[in-house]
């Protein structure tokens, strides 16, 4: 005989002046999906969708201020029907706050009416439990403030139907227990597990943040992840490189005025971020609008160095930053994280060598063997300094082989500004300043990748400047540089190889001076275009099996890092293509 373990509900402690009151809407979300409520209320996560925008539209009418609800003692003497809109009530005893869409007072009785955007569901009790719990909490608040409540109601805007909600003792008990469970869940700081293969997930606004199937898959589930967390890249970066350009706001568009190329308009809802090279002018109204919409503005020098980023108030998820800071001061954790990081980078370097080798087969095997030996040595590294040495040695091996990955069209011919030298000759990695065209492109590609990851990490609530491998230093986005390591070969180096080997850039696209080598404006435009195309290319995720763009991959990996830092994943899963 199998005994069933009973649930013992422990009520949350009474609220104090320092404890935030739980919004009744969050209790609705908690009954619907505990993980969703935790993400929204405990971690301040949010994502806009068509459904949420439509929901706000439905509430536009009822959100208009109306008559206040008469006091209970006055209401006793009135028989006329009174309607109060957007009535906000709270209770320390219940620990709840709610905005009641409509409170109808008639014949000494008040009825809370909640507006919903969809159609009335054909279920036994007239509405689903989360909606009934929300209306019940509104009724309990009205009762605590002295009003008499006999029933509640829900108005479904799409089907234009009103459903009566019976406030029986079972529903009242369920509502109080839901509030208590939500408060305890957030107080303990433990995110509930994701739903498993639930039909609720595809329409959820936070599915790309929650990552239910991905978390389950990494935890050992046999179910293949559905590609529900990966949306289409509807918004793309706006990159402005012309030194005579001026960006201003015009209605719902950004206007780029350029003396050489004329005026261009881009709709704001099609812009994911704005990237400015050199001395591009952006007006204050345009900058304020971008900040209000949390669209970051990144600044590069004329030569491509990543200078910084401007954005709005930023992500409000303090919990993930707290976990990040705590882990960053744990030397044992940092060493373990760095080992996996360097190992992943070396594996991806081997992948690039295997894919692009153009030299002798024996030399290729020797390079791959040396990289594989370095990869194995990372597991035994006892300190970060030893790991840095191994990473430097593997990088030297990789870049010594880099010239055998290059085979530009017309190899052997002399570039316009360097008589007797082969175009795109590469001897070793150098920087600050780069002394040859290949190093100039590598430096620009790394700067652009740093910017993309800085934006992605900030978007998910992490601090790009506090890392685990790279030492923290003023103005250095250490975490972005950490997460970038495995992506350097796969994205940045790959773009350089493609640009050279396909002839997209030529020797005439570079200027060499005593201060170094740099791309001409026309060459930089072509190279930046090649880089952004690479980010738009789709790849099959080796762990989840679905396809997504490299641009979305950077954001997905940032989300997975959050889930790891918050304790949901034992390890951060690196992107390791075959």
Protein backbone atom coordinates (compact mmCIF):
# COMPACT_ATOMS: atom_id res chain seq x y z
CA UNK A 1 0.00 0.00 0.00
CA UNK A 2 1.40 3.37 -1.03
CA UNK A 3 0.71 6.16 1.42
CA UNK A 4 0.10 9.65 0.14
CA UNK A 5 1.99 12.43 1.85
CA UNK A 6 -0.28 15.26 2.87
CA UNK A 7 0.60 18.91 2.32
CA UNK A 8 1.00 20.98 5.47
CA UNK A 9 0.43 24.63 4.74
CA UNK A 10 2.43 27.00 6.93
CA UNK A 11 1.11 30.56 6.88
CA UNK A 12 3.47 33.39 6.11
CA UNK A 13 4.46 35.66 9.01
CA UNK A 14 2.42 38.85 9.47
CA UNK A 15 3.43 41.75 7.26
CA UNK A 16 5.37 44.65 8.76
CA UNK A 17 5.88 48.17 7.56
CA UNK A 18 8.98 47.11 5.63
CA UNK A 19 7.31 44.23 3.77
CA UNK A 20 5.79 45.05 0.38
CA UNK A 21 2.13 44.16 -0.04
CA UNK A 22 1.37 41.49 -2.62
CA UNK A 23 -0.59 42.77 -5.64
CA UNK A 24 -3.74 40.69 -6.17
CA UNK A 25 -2.74 40.38 -9.84
CA UNK A 26 0.47 38.62 -8.75
CA UNK A 27 -1.56 36.13 -6.73
CA UNK A 28 -3.52 35.43 -9.91
CA UNK A 29 -0.22 34.73 -11.70
CA UNK A 30 0.98 32.55 -8.79
CA UNK A 31 -2.07 30.29 -8.95
CA UNK A 32 -1.66 30.12 -12.74
CA UNK A 33 2.11 29.44 -12.59
CA UNK A 34 4.20 29.90 -9.40
CA UNK A 35 7.39 30.40 -11.44
CA UNK A 36 5.81 33.18 -13.49
CA UNK A 37 4.73 35.06 -10.36
CA UNK A 38 8.18 34.70 -8.81
CA UNK A 39 9.87 36.07 -11.92
CA UNK A 40 7.48 39.02 -12.14
CA UNK A 41 7.25 39.98 -8.47
CA UNK A 42 10.40 38.57 -6.92
CA UNK A 43 12.81 39.36 -9.76
CA UNK A 44 11.01 42.27 -11.48
CA UNK A 45 11.13 40.53 -14.86
CA UNK A 46 8.83 41.64 -17.66
CA UNK A 47 8.50 41.32 -21.42
CA UNK A 48 5.97 43.04 -23.65
CA UNK A 49 3.87 40.99 -26.07
CA UNK A 50 0.84 41.60 -28.25
CA UNK A 51 -1.38 40.05 -25.56
CA UNK A 52 -0.10 42.39 -22.84
CA UNK A 53 -0.55 45.43 -25.07
CA UNK A 54 -4.11 44.31 -25.88
CA UNK A 55 -4.76 43.80 -22.17
CA UNK A 56 -3.75 47.39 -21.44
CA UNK A 57 -6.06 48.57 -24.21
CA UNK A 58 -8.98 46.73 -22.60
CA UNK A 59 -8.27 48.44 -19.27
CA UNK A 60 -7.96 51.92 -20.79
CA UNK A 61 -11.64 52.73 -20.24
CA UNK A 62 -11.91 51.40 -16.69
CA UNK A 63 -8.63 53.01 -15.66
CA UNK A 64 -10.16 56.45 -16.09
CA UNK A 65 -10.78 58.09 -12.71
CA UNK A 66 -14.44 58.13 -11.64
CA UNK A 67 -16.51 58.75 -8.56
CA UNK A 68 -14.99 57.58 -5.30
CA UNK A 69 -16.81 54.76 -3.54
CA UNK A 70 -18.95 56.16 -0.69
CA UNK A 71 -18.00 55.23 2.84
CA UNK A 72 -19.78 52.13 4.21
CA UNK A 73 -21.87 54.10 6.71
CA UNK A 74 -23.02 56.49 3.98
CA UNK A 75 -23.74 53.61 1.67
CA UNK A 76 -26.16 52.16 4.19
CA UNK A 77 -28.48 55.08 3.59
CA UNK A 78 -28.28 55.01 -0.22
CA UNK A 79 -30.19 52.79 -2.60
CA UNK A 80 -28.98 54.43 -5.82
CA UNK A 81 -26.39 52.52 -7.90
CA UNK A 82 -22.87 53.97 -7.64
CA UNK A 83 -19.97 52.89 -9.88
CA UNK A 84 -16.36 53.58 -8.83
CA UNK A 85 -13.50 52.91 -11.28
CA UNK A 86 -9.85 52.06 -10.58
CA UNK A 87 -10.38 51.76 -6.84
CA UNK A 88 -7.14 50.89 -4.99
CA UNK A 89 -7.44 49.18 -1.61
CA UNK A 90 -4.84 47.51 0.63
CA UNK A 91 -4.67 45.53 3.83
CA UNK A 92 -1.75 44.90 6.19
CA UNK A 93 -3.70 42.01 7.71
CA UNK A 94 -4.14 40.23 4.38
CA UNK A 95 -0.79 41.48 3.06
CA UNK A 96 -2.49 42.38 -0.22
CA UNK A 97 -3.01 45.45 -2.39
CA UNK A 98 -5.37 45.54 -5.38
CA UNK A 99 -6.71 47.94 -7.97
CA UNK A 100 -10.35 47.04 -8.51
CA UNK A 101 -11.39 47.82 -12.09
CA UNK A 102 -15.00 48.57 -11.13
CA UNK A 103 -16.74 48.54 -7.74
CA UNK A 104 -20.53 48.61 -8.11
CA UNK A 105 -22.48 49.71 -5.04
CA UNK A 106 -26.21 49.11 -5.02
CA UNK A 107 -28.69 48.47 -2.21
CA UNK A 108 -25.96 48.44 0.46
CA UNK A 109 -23.97 45.76 -1.41
CA UNK A 110 -20.67 46.27 -3.29
CA UNK A 111 -19.67 43.99 -6.17
CA UNK A 112 -16.07 43.97 -7.47
CA UNK A 113 -15.89 43.58 -11.26
CA UNK A 114 -12.60 42.61 -12.93
CA UNK A 115 -11.99 43.18 -16.67
CA UNK A 116 -10.29 40.48 -18.77
CA UNK A 117 -9.32 40.72 -22.44
CA UNK A 118 -10.35 37.27 -23.73
CA UNK A 119 -13.51 35.22 -24.09
CA UNK A 120 -15.51 33.65 -21.29
CA UNK A 121 -14.26 30.11 -20.66
CA UNK A 122 -16.86 27.38 -20.62
CA UNK A 123 -15.98 25.83 -17.27
CA UNK A 124 -18.16 24.70 -14.37
CA UNK A 125 -17.49 27.65 -12.07
CA UNK A 126 -17.71 30.27 -14.81
CA UNK A 127 -14.00 31.25 -14.74
CA UNK A 128 -10.62 29.68 -14.16
CA UNK A 129 -9.28 29.50 -10.61
CA UNK A 130 -6.57 32.23 -10.94
CA UNK A 131 -9.17 34.82 -12.04
CA UNK A 132 -11.63 33.73 -9.33
CA UNK A 133 -8.91 34.02 -6.67
CA UNK A 134 -8.08 37.55 -7.83
CA UNK A 135 -11.73 38.65 -7.61
CA UNK A 136 -12.05 36.96 -4.22
CA UNK A 137 -9.09 38.97 -2.87
CA UNK A 138 -10.73 42.16 -4.09
CA UNK A 139 -13.88 41.14 -2.22
CA UNK A 140 -11.90 40.39 0.96
CA UNK A 141 -10.31 43.84 0.77
CA UNK A 142 -13.73 45.48 0.40
CA UNK A 143 -15.05 43.52 3.38
CA UNK A 144 -12.08 44.50 5.53
CA UNK A 145 -12.82 48.14 4.72
CA UNK A 146 -16.36 47.69 6.03
CA UNK A 147 -18.33 46.97 2.85
CA UNK A 148 -20.82 44.19 2.37
CA UNK A 149 -19.93 41.88 -0.53
CA UNK A 150 -22.11 38.98 -1.67
CA UNK A 151 -20.49 38.07 -4.99
CA UNK A 152 -17.93 39.15 -7.55
CA UNK A 153 -17.93 39.36 -11.33
CA UNK A 154 -15.61 39.17 -14.34
CA UNK A 155 -16.26 41.00 -17.62
CA UNK A 156 -14.72 39.33 -20.68
CA UNK A 157 -14.12 42.02 -23.30
CA UNK A 158 -13.80 39.81 -26.40
CA UNK A 159 -17.04 37.88 -25.91
CA UNK A 160 -18.70 40.80 -24.06
CA UNK A 161 -20.01 38.55 -21.31
CA UNK A 162 -20.26 39.03 -17.57
CA UNK A 163 -19.65 36.02 -15.32
CA UNK A 164 -20.81 35.81 -11.71
CA UNK A 165 -18.18 34.64 -9.19
CA UNK A 166 -19.49 32.82 -6.10
CA UNK A 167 -17.48 33.77 -3.02
CA UNK A 168 -17.84 30.55 -1.03
CA UNK A 169 -15.63 29.55 1.88
CA UNK A 170 -13.56 27.21 -0.28
CA UNK A 171 -12.56 30.06 -2.60
CA UNK A 172 -11.83 32.40 0.31
CA UNK A 173 -9.53 29.84 1.92
CA UNK A 174 -7.76 29.17 -1.38
CA UNK A 175 -7.20 32.92 -1.90
CA UNK A 176 -5.69 33.43 1.57
CA UNK A 177 -3.43 30.38 1.19
CA UNK A 178 -2.24 31.53 -2.24
CA UNK A 179 -1.17 34.89 -0.79
CA UNK A 180 0.69 33.12 2.01
CA UNK A 181 2.45 30.69 -0.34
CA UNK A 182 3.54 33.47 -2.67
CA UNK A 183 4.98 35.53 0.18
CA UNK A 184 6.84 32.52 1.59
CA UNK A 185 8.20 31.59 -1.85
CA UNK A 186 9.63 35.06 -2.42
CA UNK A 187 10.89 35.36 1.17
CA UNK A 188 12.87 32.11 0.82
CA UNK A 189 14.37 33.28 -2.48
CA UNK A 190 13.81 29.93 -4.21
CA UNK A 191 12.42 30.11 -7.69
CA UNK A 192 9.76 27.43 -8.34
CA UNK A 193 10.60 24.81 -10.97
CA UNK A 194 9.32 25.37 -14.52
CA UNK A 195 6.20 23.67 -15.77
CA UNK A 196 6.85 20.51 -17.78
CA UNK A 197 5.66 20.47 -21.39
CA UNK A 198 2.79 22.76 -20.40
CA UNK A 199 0.42 24.31 -22.98
CA UNK A 200 0.57 27.48 -20.89
CA UNK A 201 4.16 28.22 -21.88
CA UNK A 202 3.91 29.13 -25.60
CA UNK A 203 1.66 32.16 -24.97
CA UNK A 204 3.45 33.29 -21.81
CA UNK A 205 5.02 36.75 -21.97
CA UNK A 206 8.03 35.59 -19.94
CA UNK A 207 8.79 32.34 -21.74
CA UNK A 208 12.07 33.71 -23.14
CA UNK A 209 13.11 34.64 -19.59
CA UNK A 210 11.74 31.57 -17.80
CA UNK A 211 13.21 29.06 -20.32
CA UNK A 212 11.02 26.19 -19.06
CA UNK A 213 11.96 23.55 -21.62
CA UNK A 214 15.65 24.51 -21.61
CA UNK A 215 15.90 24.28 -17.81
CA UNK A 216 14.11 20.93 -17.85
CA UNK A 217 16.38 19.62 -20.63
CA UNK A 218 19.54 20.64 -18.78
CA UNK A 219 18.13 18.96 -15.68
CA UNK A 220 17.85 15.62 -17.45
CA UNK A 221 14.37 15.65 -18.99
CA UNK A 222 13.87 13.34 -21.98
CA UNK A 223 11.49 15.80 -23.66
CA UNK A 224 13.03 17.77 -26.52
CA UNK A 225 12.81 21.53 -25.90
CA UNK A 226 10.25 23.38 -27.96
CA UNK A 227 11.59 26.50 -29.73
CA UNK A 228 9.03 28.65 -27.89
CA UNK A 229 11.59 30.81 -26.10
CA UNK A 230 13.22 32.03 -29.30
CA UNK A 231 11.42 34.83 -31.08
CA UNK A 232 12.13 36.33 -34.48
CA UNK A 233 14.60 39.21 -34.68
CA UNK A 234 11.98 41.84 -35.45
CA UNK A 235 14.17 44.63 -34.05
CA UNK A 236 17.75 45.04 -35.27
CA UNK A 237 20.67 47.37 -34.43
CA UNK A 238 20.78 50.79 -36.04
CA UNK A 239 24.44 51.44 -36.88
CA UNK A 240 25.47 54.95 -37.91
CA UNK A 241 29.05 55.48 -39.13
CA UNK A 242 28.93 58.67 -41.21
CA UNK A 243 30.82 61.47 -39.45
CA UNK A 244 28.34 64.06 -40.76
CA UNK A 245 25.24 62.27 -39.49
CA UNK A 246 22.76 63.71 -37.02
CA UNK A 247 20.09 61.59 -35.30
CA UNK A 248 16.86 63.20 -34.13
CA UNK A 249 13.39 62.06 -33.12
CA UNK A 250 10.49 62.64 -35.47
CA UNK A 251 7.22 61.15 -34.25
CA UNK A 252 7.65 57.40 -33.84
CA UNK A 253 10.79 57.37 -35.97
CA UNK A 254 14.46 58.22 -35.73
CA UNK A 255 15.61 60.56 -38.48
CA UNK A 256 19.23 60.24 -39.62
CA UNK A 257 20.24 63.38 -41.49
CA UNK A 258 23.42 63.00 -43.53
CA UNK A 259 24.91 65.64 -45.82
CA UNK A 260 26.42 62.99 -48.09
CA UNK A 261 23.74 60.28 -48.19
CA UNK A 262 20.55 62.24 -47.54
CA UNK A 263 17.89 61.65 -44.88
CA UNK A 264 16.79 58.23 -43.61
CA UNK A 265 13.97 57.36 -41.24
CA UNK A 266 13.78 54.24 -39.08
CA UNK A 267 10.79 53.26 -36.98
CA UNK A 268 11.55 53.05 -33.26
CA UNK A 269 9.85 49.67 -32.85
CA UNK A 270 12.29 48.21 -35.40
CA UNK A 271 15.40 49.26 -33.43
CA UNK A 272 16.97 46.94 -30.84
CA UNK A 273 19.92 49.21 -30.09
CA UNK A 274 21.72 52.20 -31.61
CA UNK A 275 25.44 52.07 -32.41
CA UNK A 276 27.41 55.23 -33.14
CA UNK A 277 30.91 55.35 -34.62
CA UNK A 278 33.01 58.47 -34.12
CA UNK A 279 31.46 61.92 -33.86
CA UNK A 280 27.88 61.15 -34.82
CA UNK A 281 25.45 63.67 -33.28
CA UNK A 282 22.33 62.48 -31.42
CA UNK A 283 19.82 64.97 -30.04
CA UNK A 284 18.60 65.00 -26.45
CA UNK A 285 14.94 64.20 -27.35
CA UNK A 286 16.10 61.18 -29.35
CA UNK A 287 18.36 60.00 -26.53
CA UNK A 288 15.61 60.45 -23.91
CA UNK A 289 13.11 58.51 -26.05
CA UNK A 290 15.58 55.65 -26.48
CA UNK A 291 16.22 55.59 -22.73
CA UNK A 292 12.49 55.56 -21.98
CA UNK A 293 12.12 52.52 -24.22
CA UNK A 294 15.20 50.83 -22.76
CA UNK A 295 16.93 50.89 -26.15
CA UNK A 296 20.67 51.15 -25.43
CA UNK A 297 22.95 53.53 -27.30
CA UNK A 298 26.52 52.24 -27.76
CA UNK A 299 29.48 54.44 -28.62
CA UNK A 300 32.54 53.36 -30.61
CA UNK A 301 35.54 55.50 -31.49
CA UNK A 302 36.12 56.38 -35.12
CA UNK A 303 38.55 53.46 -35.30
CA UNK A 304 36.09 51.03 -33.70
CA UNK A 305 37.12 50.88 -30.02
CA UNK A 306 34.13 50.27 -27.76
CA UNK A 307 33.83 53.34 -25.53
CA UNK A 308 30.68 52.75 -23.54
CA UNK A 309 26.91 52.52 -23.46
CA UNK A 310 24.02 54.76 -22.47
CA UNK A 311 20.68 53.29 -21.40
CA UNK A 312 17.69 54.00 -19.16
CA UNK A 313 17.28 53.05 -15.51
CA UNK A 314 18.33 49.49 -16.31
CA UNK A 315 17.05 46.14 -15.17
CA UNK A 316 15.49 45.98 -11.69
CA UNK A 317 16.42 42.36 -10.92
CA UNK A 318 18.59 42.92 -7.84
CA UNK A 319 18.49 39.23 -6.95
CA UNK A 320 20.58 38.12 -9.91
CA UNK A 321 23.16 40.89 -9.39
CA UNK A 322 23.44 39.94 -5.71
CA UNK A 323 24.13 36.34 -6.71
CA UNK A 324 26.66 37.54 -9.29
CA UNK A 325 28.57 39.67 -6.77
CA UNK A 326 28.58 36.88 -4.17
CA UNK A 327 29.99 34.38 -6.67
CA UNK A 328 32.59 36.86 -7.92
CA UNK A 329 34.20 37.00 -4.45
CA UNK A 330 34.35 33.20 -4.16
CA UNK A 331 37.83 32.31 -5.44
CA UNK A 332 37.01 28.59 -5.70
CA UNK A 333 33.94 29.30 -7.83
CA UNK A 334 35.81 31.78 -10.03
CA UNK A 335 38.56 29.25 -10.71
CA UNK A 336 36.05 26.53 -11.64
CA UNK A 337 34.10 28.92 -13.87
CA UNK A 338 37.31 30.10 -15.55
CA UNK A 339 38.44 26.51 -16.23
CA UNK A 340 35.22 25.72 -18.10
CA UNK A 341 35.44 29.07 -19.89
CA UNK A 342 38.97 28.55 -21.22
CA UNK A 343 38.21 24.93 -22.10
CA UNK A 344 35.18 26.05 -24.14
CA UNK A 345 37.25 28.70 -25.91
CA UNK A 346 39.93 26.16 -26.90
CA UNK A 347 37.29 23.71 -28.14
CA UNK A 348 35.80 26.41 -30.36
CA UNK A 349 39.26 27.38 -31.61
CA UNK A 350 39.78 23.76 -32.65
CA UNK A 351 36.42 23.88 -34.44
CA UNK A 352 37.48 26.94 -36.46
CA UNK A 353 40.79 25.30 -37.38
CA UNK A 354 39.05 22.11 -38.50
CA UNK A 355 36.51 24.00 -40.59
CA UNK A 356 38.88 26.43 -42.31
CA UNK A 357 42.30 24.73 -42.58
CA UNK A 358 43.99 25.30 -45.95
CA UNK A 359 47.50 24.04 -45.23
CA UNK A 360 49.12 20.61 -45.01
CA UNK A 361 47.16 17.83 -43.28
CA UNK A 362 50.10 16.92 -41.00
CA UNK A 363 50.41 20.51 -39.77
CA UNK A 364 46.67 20.58 -39.08
CA UNK A 365 46.91 17.47 -36.90
CA UNK A 366 49.82 18.94 -34.95
CA UNK A 367 47.87 22.16 -34.26
CA UNK A 368 44.76 20.27 -33.17
CA UNK A 369 46.79 18.00 -30.91
CA UNK A 370 48.50 20.95 -29.20
CA UNK A 371 45.15 22.67 -28.66
CA UNK A 372 43.65 19.47 -27.30
CA UNK A 373 46.56 19.07 -24.85
CA UNK A 374 46.04 22.66 -23.68
CA UNK A 375 42.33 21.94 -23.21
CA UNK A 376 43.07 18.94 -21.00
CA UNK A 377 45.56 20.97 -18.96
CA UNK A 378 42.88 23.50 -18.02
CA UNK A 379 41.19 20.85 -15.83
CA UNK A 380 44.35 20.65 -13.67
CA UNK A 381 45.01 24.39 -13.38
CA UNK A 382 45.30 25.20 -9.68
CA UNK A 383 45.21 28.99 -9.92
CA UNK A 384 43.81 31.64 -12.22
CA UNK A 385 47.36 32.77 -13.10
CA UNK A 386 48.22 29.24 -14.29
CA UNK A 387 45.00 29.21 -16.29
CA UNK A 388 45.90 32.55 -17.86
CA UNK A 389 49.22 31.05 -18.94
CA UNK A 390 47.49 28.06 -20.53
CA UNK A 391 45.02 30.35 -22.27
CA UNK A 392 47.88 32.47 -23.60
CA UNK A 393 49.77 29.44 -24.89
CA UNK A 394 46.71 28.05 -26.65
CA UNK A 395 45.98 31.46 -28.18
CA UNK A 396 49.56 31.66 -29.47
CA UNK A 397 49.20 28.19 -31.04
CA UNK A 398 45.86 29.13 -32.58
CA UNK A 399 47.04 32.41 -34.06
CA UNK A 400 50.23 30.83 -35.43
CA UNK A 401 47.90 28.64 -37.47
CA UNK A 402 45.61 31.54 -38.41
CA UNK A 403 47.53 32.34 -41.61
CA UNK A 404 46.74 28.82 -42.86
CA UNK A 405 43.03 29.61 -42.50
CA UNK A 406 43.32 32.60 -44.83
CA UNK A 407 43.17 32.21 -48.59
CA UNK A 408 42.05 35.53 -50.06
CA UNK A 409 41.21 35.84 -53.75
CA UNK A 410 44.28 36.95 -55.65
CA UNK A 411 46.73 35.73 -53.01
CA UNK A 412 50.31 36.63 -53.87
CA UNK A 413 49.47 40.01 -55.39
CA UNK A 414 50.71 43.17 -53.75
CA UNK A 415 48.28 45.57 -52.05
CA UNK A 416 48.12 49.14 -53.23
CA UNK A 417 50.03 50.56 -50.28
CA UNK A 418 52.58 47.79 -49.56
CA UNK A 419 54.85 46.85 -52.46
CA UNK A 420 56.20 43.32 -52.32
CA UNK A 421 53.98 42.07 -49.45
CA UNK A 422 51.24 39.49 -49.76
CA UNK A 423 47.80 40.89 -49.01
CA UNK A 424 46.42 39.94 -45.57
CA UNK A 425 49.65 38.40 -44.42
CA UNK A 426 49.28 37.38 -40.75
CA UNK A 427 52.26 36.55 -38.52
CA UNK A 428 50.95 37.02 -34.97
CA UNK A 429 48.18 38.68 -33.01
CA UNK A 430 48.96 42.30 -32.13
CA UNK A 431 46.85 45.25 -30.99
CA UNK A 432 46.87 48.80 -29.61
CA UNK A 433 47.41 49.62 -32.36
CA UNK A 434 47.00 46.74 -34.84
CA UNK A 435 49.84 46.79 -37.36
CA UNK A 436 48.24 44.89 -40.25
CA UNK A 437 44.80 44.53 -41.87
CA UNK A 438 43.92 41.16 -40.30
CA UNK A 439 44.71 42.39 -36.80
CA UNK A 440 42.75 45.57 -37.49
CA UNK A 441 39.68 43.49 -38.38
CA UNK A 442 40.14 41.19 -35.39
CA UNK A 443 40.31 44.17 -33.03
CA UNK A 444 37.18 45.73 -34.51
CA UNK A 445 35.31 42.41 -34.40
CA UNK A 446 36.22 41.86 -30.74
CA UNK A 447 35.14 45.41 -29.89
CA UNK A 448 31.78 44.88 -31.57
CA UNK A 449 31.29 41.50 -29.88
CA UNK A 450 32.10 43.12 -26.52
CA UNK A 451 29.42 45.69 -27.18
CA UNK A 452 26.81 43.07 -28.11
CA UNK A 453 27.48 41.02 -24.97
CA UNK A 454 27.58 44.13 -22.75
CA UNK A 455 24.09 45.00 -24.00
CA UNK A 456 22.82 41.41 -23.65
CA UNK A 457 24.11 41.01 -20.09
CA UNK A 458 22.69 44.35 -19.00
CA UNK A 459 19.33 43.44 -20.57
CA UNK A 460 18.99 40.35 -18.36
CA UNK A 461 19.95 42.18 -15.16
CA UNK A 462 23.63 41.29 -14.82
CA UNK A 463 26.47 43.75 -14.22
CA UNK A 464 28.76 43.56 -17.29
CA UNK A 465 31.66 45.02 -15.29
CA UNK A 466 32.00 42.36 -12.57
CA UNK A 467 33.35 39.09 -13.93
CA UNK A 468 34.86 35.82 -12.73
CA UNK A 469 37.92 35.37 -14.95
CA UNK A 470 38.99 38.78 -16.19
CA UNK A 471 40.25 41.03 -13.41
CA UNK A 472 37.94 43.94 -12.56
CA UNK A 473 39.33 47.27 -13.69
CA UNK A 474 37.85 50.72 -14.19
CA UNK A 475 35.88 50.87 -17.43
CA UNK A 476 36.52 47.21 -18.29
CA UNK A 477 33.38 45.09 -18.92
CA UNK A 478 34.92 42.02 -17.27
CA UNK A 479 31.82 39.79 -17.39
CA UNK A 480 31.22 40.62 -21.07
CA UNK A 481 34.86 39.70 -21.77
CA UNK A 482 34.40 36.45 -19.81
CA UNK A 483 31.33 35.29 -21.70
CA UNK A 484 32.88 36.48 -24.97
CA UNK A 485 35.86 34.11 -24.78
CA UNK A 486 34.16 31.03 -26.33
CA UNK A 487 32.44 33.27 -28.90
CA UNK A 488 35.65 34.93 -30.16
CA UNK A 489 36.49 32.12 -32.63
CA UNK A 490 32.90 31.27 -33.56
CA UNK A 491 31.71 34.81 -34.28
CA UNK A 492 34.55 37.35 -34.50
CA UNK A 493 37.30 35.22 -36.05
CA UNK A 494 34.77 33.60 -38.36
CA UNK A 495 33.70 37.00 -39.71
CA UNK A 496 37.32 37.99 -40.40
CA UNK A 497 38.01 34.73 -42.22
CA UNK A 498 34.86 35.06 -44.29
CA UNK A 499 35.50 38.72 -45.17
CA UNK A 500 39.03 37.92 -46.36
CA UNK A 501 38.41 34.58 -48.07
CA UNK A 502 35.37 35.80 -50.01
CA UNK A 503 37.01 39.06 -51.05
CA UNK A 504 34.41 41.22 -49.27
CA UNK A 505 37.27 43.40 -48.02
CA UNK A 506 40.39 44.11 -50.03
CA UNK A 507 43.78 45.64 -49.33
CA UNK A 508 42.53 49.00 -50.61
CA UNK A 509 40.07 49.10 -47.68
CA UNK A 510 42.90 49.77 -45.20
CA UNK A 511 45.12 52.70 -44.33
CA UNK A 512 48.54 52.08 -42.77
CA UNK A 513 50.28 54.83 -40.84
CA UNK A 514 52.91 55.05 -38.07
CA UNK A 515 50.01 54.90 -35.59
CA UNK A 516 48.81 51.55 -36.94
CA UNK A 517 46.48 50.08 -39.55
CA UNK A 518 42.77 50.84 -39.75
CA UNK A 519 39.84 50.34 -42.08
CA UNK A 520 38.73 53.12 -44.38
CA UNK A 521 35.12 54.35 -43.88
CA UNK A 522 33.94 52.30 -46.87
CA UNK A 523 35.83 49.21 -45.68
CA UNK A 524 34.49 49.57 -42.16
CA UNK A 525 30.92 49.76 -43.46
CA UNK A 526 31.39 46.53 -45.38
CA UNK A 527 33.05 44.78 -42.46
CA UNK A 528 30.39 45.92 -39.96
CA UNK A 529 27.76 44.69 -42.42
CA UNK A 530 29.49 41.30 -42.58
CA UNK A 531 29.59 41.14 -38.78
CA UNK A 532 25.87 41.89 -38.42
CA UNK A 533 25.03 39.33 -41.10
CA UNK A 534 26.96 36.74 -39.12
CA UNK A 535 24.84 37.55 -36.06
CA UNK A 536 21.68 37.13 -38.15
CA UNK A 537 22.75 33.69 -39.41
CA UNK A 538 20.86 30.80 -37.85
CA UNK A 539 22.53 27.95 -36.04
CA UNK A 540 21.27 24.74 -34.44
CA UNK A 541 21.79 24.84 -30.70
CA UNK A 542 23.87 21.76 -29.79
CA UNK A 543 22.03 21.23 -26.49
CA UNK A 544 18.44 22.10 -27.37
CA UNK A 545 18.23 21.07 -31.02
CA UNK A 546 16.25 24.06 -32.32
CA UNK A 547 17.48 26.79 -34.63
CA UNK A 548 18.05 30.42 -33.66
CA UNK A 549 20.10 33.37 -34.85
CA UNK A 550 23.53 34.04 -33.36
CA UNK A 551 22.12 37.34 -32.11
CA UNK A 552 19.41 35.52 -30.14
CA UNK A 553 22.00 32.98 -29.02
CA UNK A 554 23.95 35.68 -27.15
CA UNK A 555 20.79 36.68 -25.29
CA UNK A 556 19.87 33.04 -24.59
CA UNK A 557 23.32 32.36 -23.14
CA UNK A 558 23.00 35.45 -20.94
CA UNK A 559 19.65 34.14 -19.65
CA UNK A 560 21.19 30.73 -18.95
CA UNK A 561 23.98 32.44 -17.01
CA UNK A 562 21.32 34.08 -14.83
CA UNK A 563 19.67 30.73 -14.17
CA UNK A 564 23.08 29.28 -13.25
CA UNK A 565 24.02 32.10 -10.89
CA UNK A 566 20.65 31.82 -9.15
CA UNK A 567 21.28 28.13 -8.49
CA UNK A 568 18.91 26.52 -10.99
CA UNK A 569 21.70 25.07 -13.14
CA UNK A 570 24.78 23.45 -11.56
CA UNK A 571 26.99 24.63 -14.46
CA UNK A 572 26.82 27.33 -17.10
CA UNK A 573 26.25 25.52 -20.43
CA UNK A 574 28.62 26.85 -23.07
CA UNK A 575 27.83 27.00 -26.77
CA UNK A 576 30.05 24.35 -28.39
CA UNK A 577 29.20 23.77 -32.07
CA UNK A 578 30.63 20.76 -33.84
